[in-house]
């Protein structure tokens, strides 16, 4: 007689739905965290755009390119602020103590 082959049970629809909910929650948390930290550090990119590449010994772009770069940074910063505004760095694993609400 051949050895018994273990049978794999297919997950139920409720298990699949639970898995998808947890995956979506993890994805939301990851996107929120990334957006928050990008919003924190992105203002450091404004200065080189505002000063202009001529002071950095780079060939000077047109004013249109510089304006578009600044506009793109502002739009990206606004988007990151909106997406990351609910992130609370202190709430993660209690590393920094309790969060006052």
Protein backbone atom coordinates (compact mmCIF):
# COMPACT_ATOMS: atom_id res chain seq x y z
CA UNK A 1 0.00 0.00 0.00
CA UNK A 2 1.42 3.43 -0.93
CA UNK A 3 2.07 5.92 1.89
CA UNK A 4 -0.80 8.21 2.74
CA UNK A 5 -0.64 11.62 1.12
CA UNK A 6 -1.68 14.39 3.50
CA UNK A 7 -4.72 16.30 2.33
CA UNK A 8 -4.57 20.06 2.31
CA UNK A 9 -7.71 21.79 3.40
CA UNK A 10 -8.72 24.75 1.30
CA UNK A 11 -9.24 27.92 3.34
CA UNK A 12 -12.80 28.96 3.91
CA UNK A 13 -14.13 32.20 2.41
CA UNK A 14 -14.12 33.79 5.87
CA UNK A 15 -10.45 32.86 6.34
CA UNK A 16 -9.60 34.35 2.95
CA UNK A 17 -11.53 37.52 3.78
CA UNK A 18 -9.72 37.80 7.13
CA UNK A 19 -6.35 37.34 5.44
CA UNK A 20 -7.18 40.01 2.87
CA UNK A 21 -8.33 42.42 5.62
CA UNK A 22 -5.08 41.93 7.55
CA UNK A 23 -3.00 42.35 4.38
CA UNK A 24 -4.87 45.56 3.49
CA UNK A 25 -4.40 46.91 7.03
CA UNK A 26 -0.67 46.18 6.86
CA UNK A 27 -0.42 47.85 3.47
CA UNK A 28 -2.28 50.93 4.74
CA UNK A 29 0.03 51.14 7.75
CA UNK A 30 3.10 50.84 5.55
CA UNK A 31 1.94 53.50 3.10
CA UNK A 32 0.93 55.82 5.96
CA UNK A 33 4.31 55.41 7.66
CA UNK A 34 6.28 55.93 4.45
CA UNK A 35 4.23 59.00 3.51
CA UNK A 36 4.70 60.48 7.00
CA UNK A 37 8.49 60.18 6.93
CA UNK A 38 8.75 61.43 3.35
CA UNK A 39 6.69 64.47 4.40
CA UNK A 40 9.13 65.01 7.27
CA UNK A 41 12.33 64.96 5.19
CA UNK A 42 11.05 66.33 1.87
CA UNK A 43 11.43 70.03 2.80
CA UNK A 44 15.20 69.48 2.72
CA UNK A 45 14.84 69.13 -1.06
CA UNK A 46 13.31 72.60 -1.41
CA UNK A 47 16.52 74.48 -0.72
CA UNK A 48 18.56 73.17 -3.68
CA UNK A 49 15.62 73.85 -5.99
CA UNK A 50 15.10 77.37 -4.64
CA UNK A 51 18.80 78.28 -4.58
CA UNK A 52 19.22 76.99 -8.05
CA UNK A 53 21.79 74.73 -9.58
CA UNK A 54 24.03 77.64 -10.60
CA UNK A 55 25.39 77.88 -7.05
CA UNK A 56 26.00 74.15 -7.04
CA UNK A 57 28.16 74.29 -10.20
CA UNK A 58 25.59 72.48 -12.30
CA UNK A 59 24.44 73.64 -15.70
CA UNK A 60 21.57 76.06 -15.18
CA UNK A 61 18.11 74.81 -16.22
CA UNK A 62 15.51 77.15 -17.51
CA UNK A 63 13.21 78.91 -15.07
CA UNK A 64 10.40 76.69 -16.34
CA UNK A 65 12.24 73.54 -15.31
CA UNK A 66 13.00 74.99 -11.91
CA UNK A 67 9.37 76.05 -11.43
CA UNK A 68 8.12 72.60 -12.46
CA UNK A 69 10.55 70.93 -10.06
CA UNK A 70 9.33 73.13 -7.21
CA UNK A 71 5.69 72.54 -8.13
CA UNK A 72 6.32 68.78 -8.26
CA UNK A 73 7.94 68.87 -4.82
CA UNK A 74 5.03 70.86 -3.40
CA UNK A 75 2.46 68.46 -4.85
CA UNK A 76 4.39 65.43 -3.59
CA UNK A 77 4.76 67.03 -0.15
CA UNK A 78 1.04 67.80 0.03
CA UNK A 79 0.16 64.25 -1.01
CA UNK A 80 2.50 62.79 1.62
CA UNK A 81 1.02 65.06 4.29
CA UNK A 82 -2.50 63.92 3.42
CA UNK A 83 -1.59 60.23 3.28
CA UNK A 84 0.62 60.24 6.37
CA UNK A 85 -1.28 62.57 8.68
CA UNK A 86 -2.73 59.75 10.83
CA UNK A 87 0.64 58.09 11.47
CA UNK A 88 1.77 58.21 15.07
CA UNK A 89 5.42 57.20 15.46
CA UNK A 90 5.00 56.72 19.22
CA UNK A 91 2.21 54.17 18.92
CA UNK A 92 4.39 51.49 17.34
CA UNK A 93 5.26 48.70 19.77
CA UNK A 94 5.35 51.15 22.70
CA UNK A 95 8.99 52.06 22.11
CA UNK A 96 8.53 55.67 23.14
CA UNK A 97 6.00 55.23 25.89
CA UNK A 98 2.25 55.55 25.90
CA UNK A 99 0.47 57.81 23.47
CA UNK A 100 -1.66 60.51 25.08
CA UNK A 101 -4.97 60.91 23.31
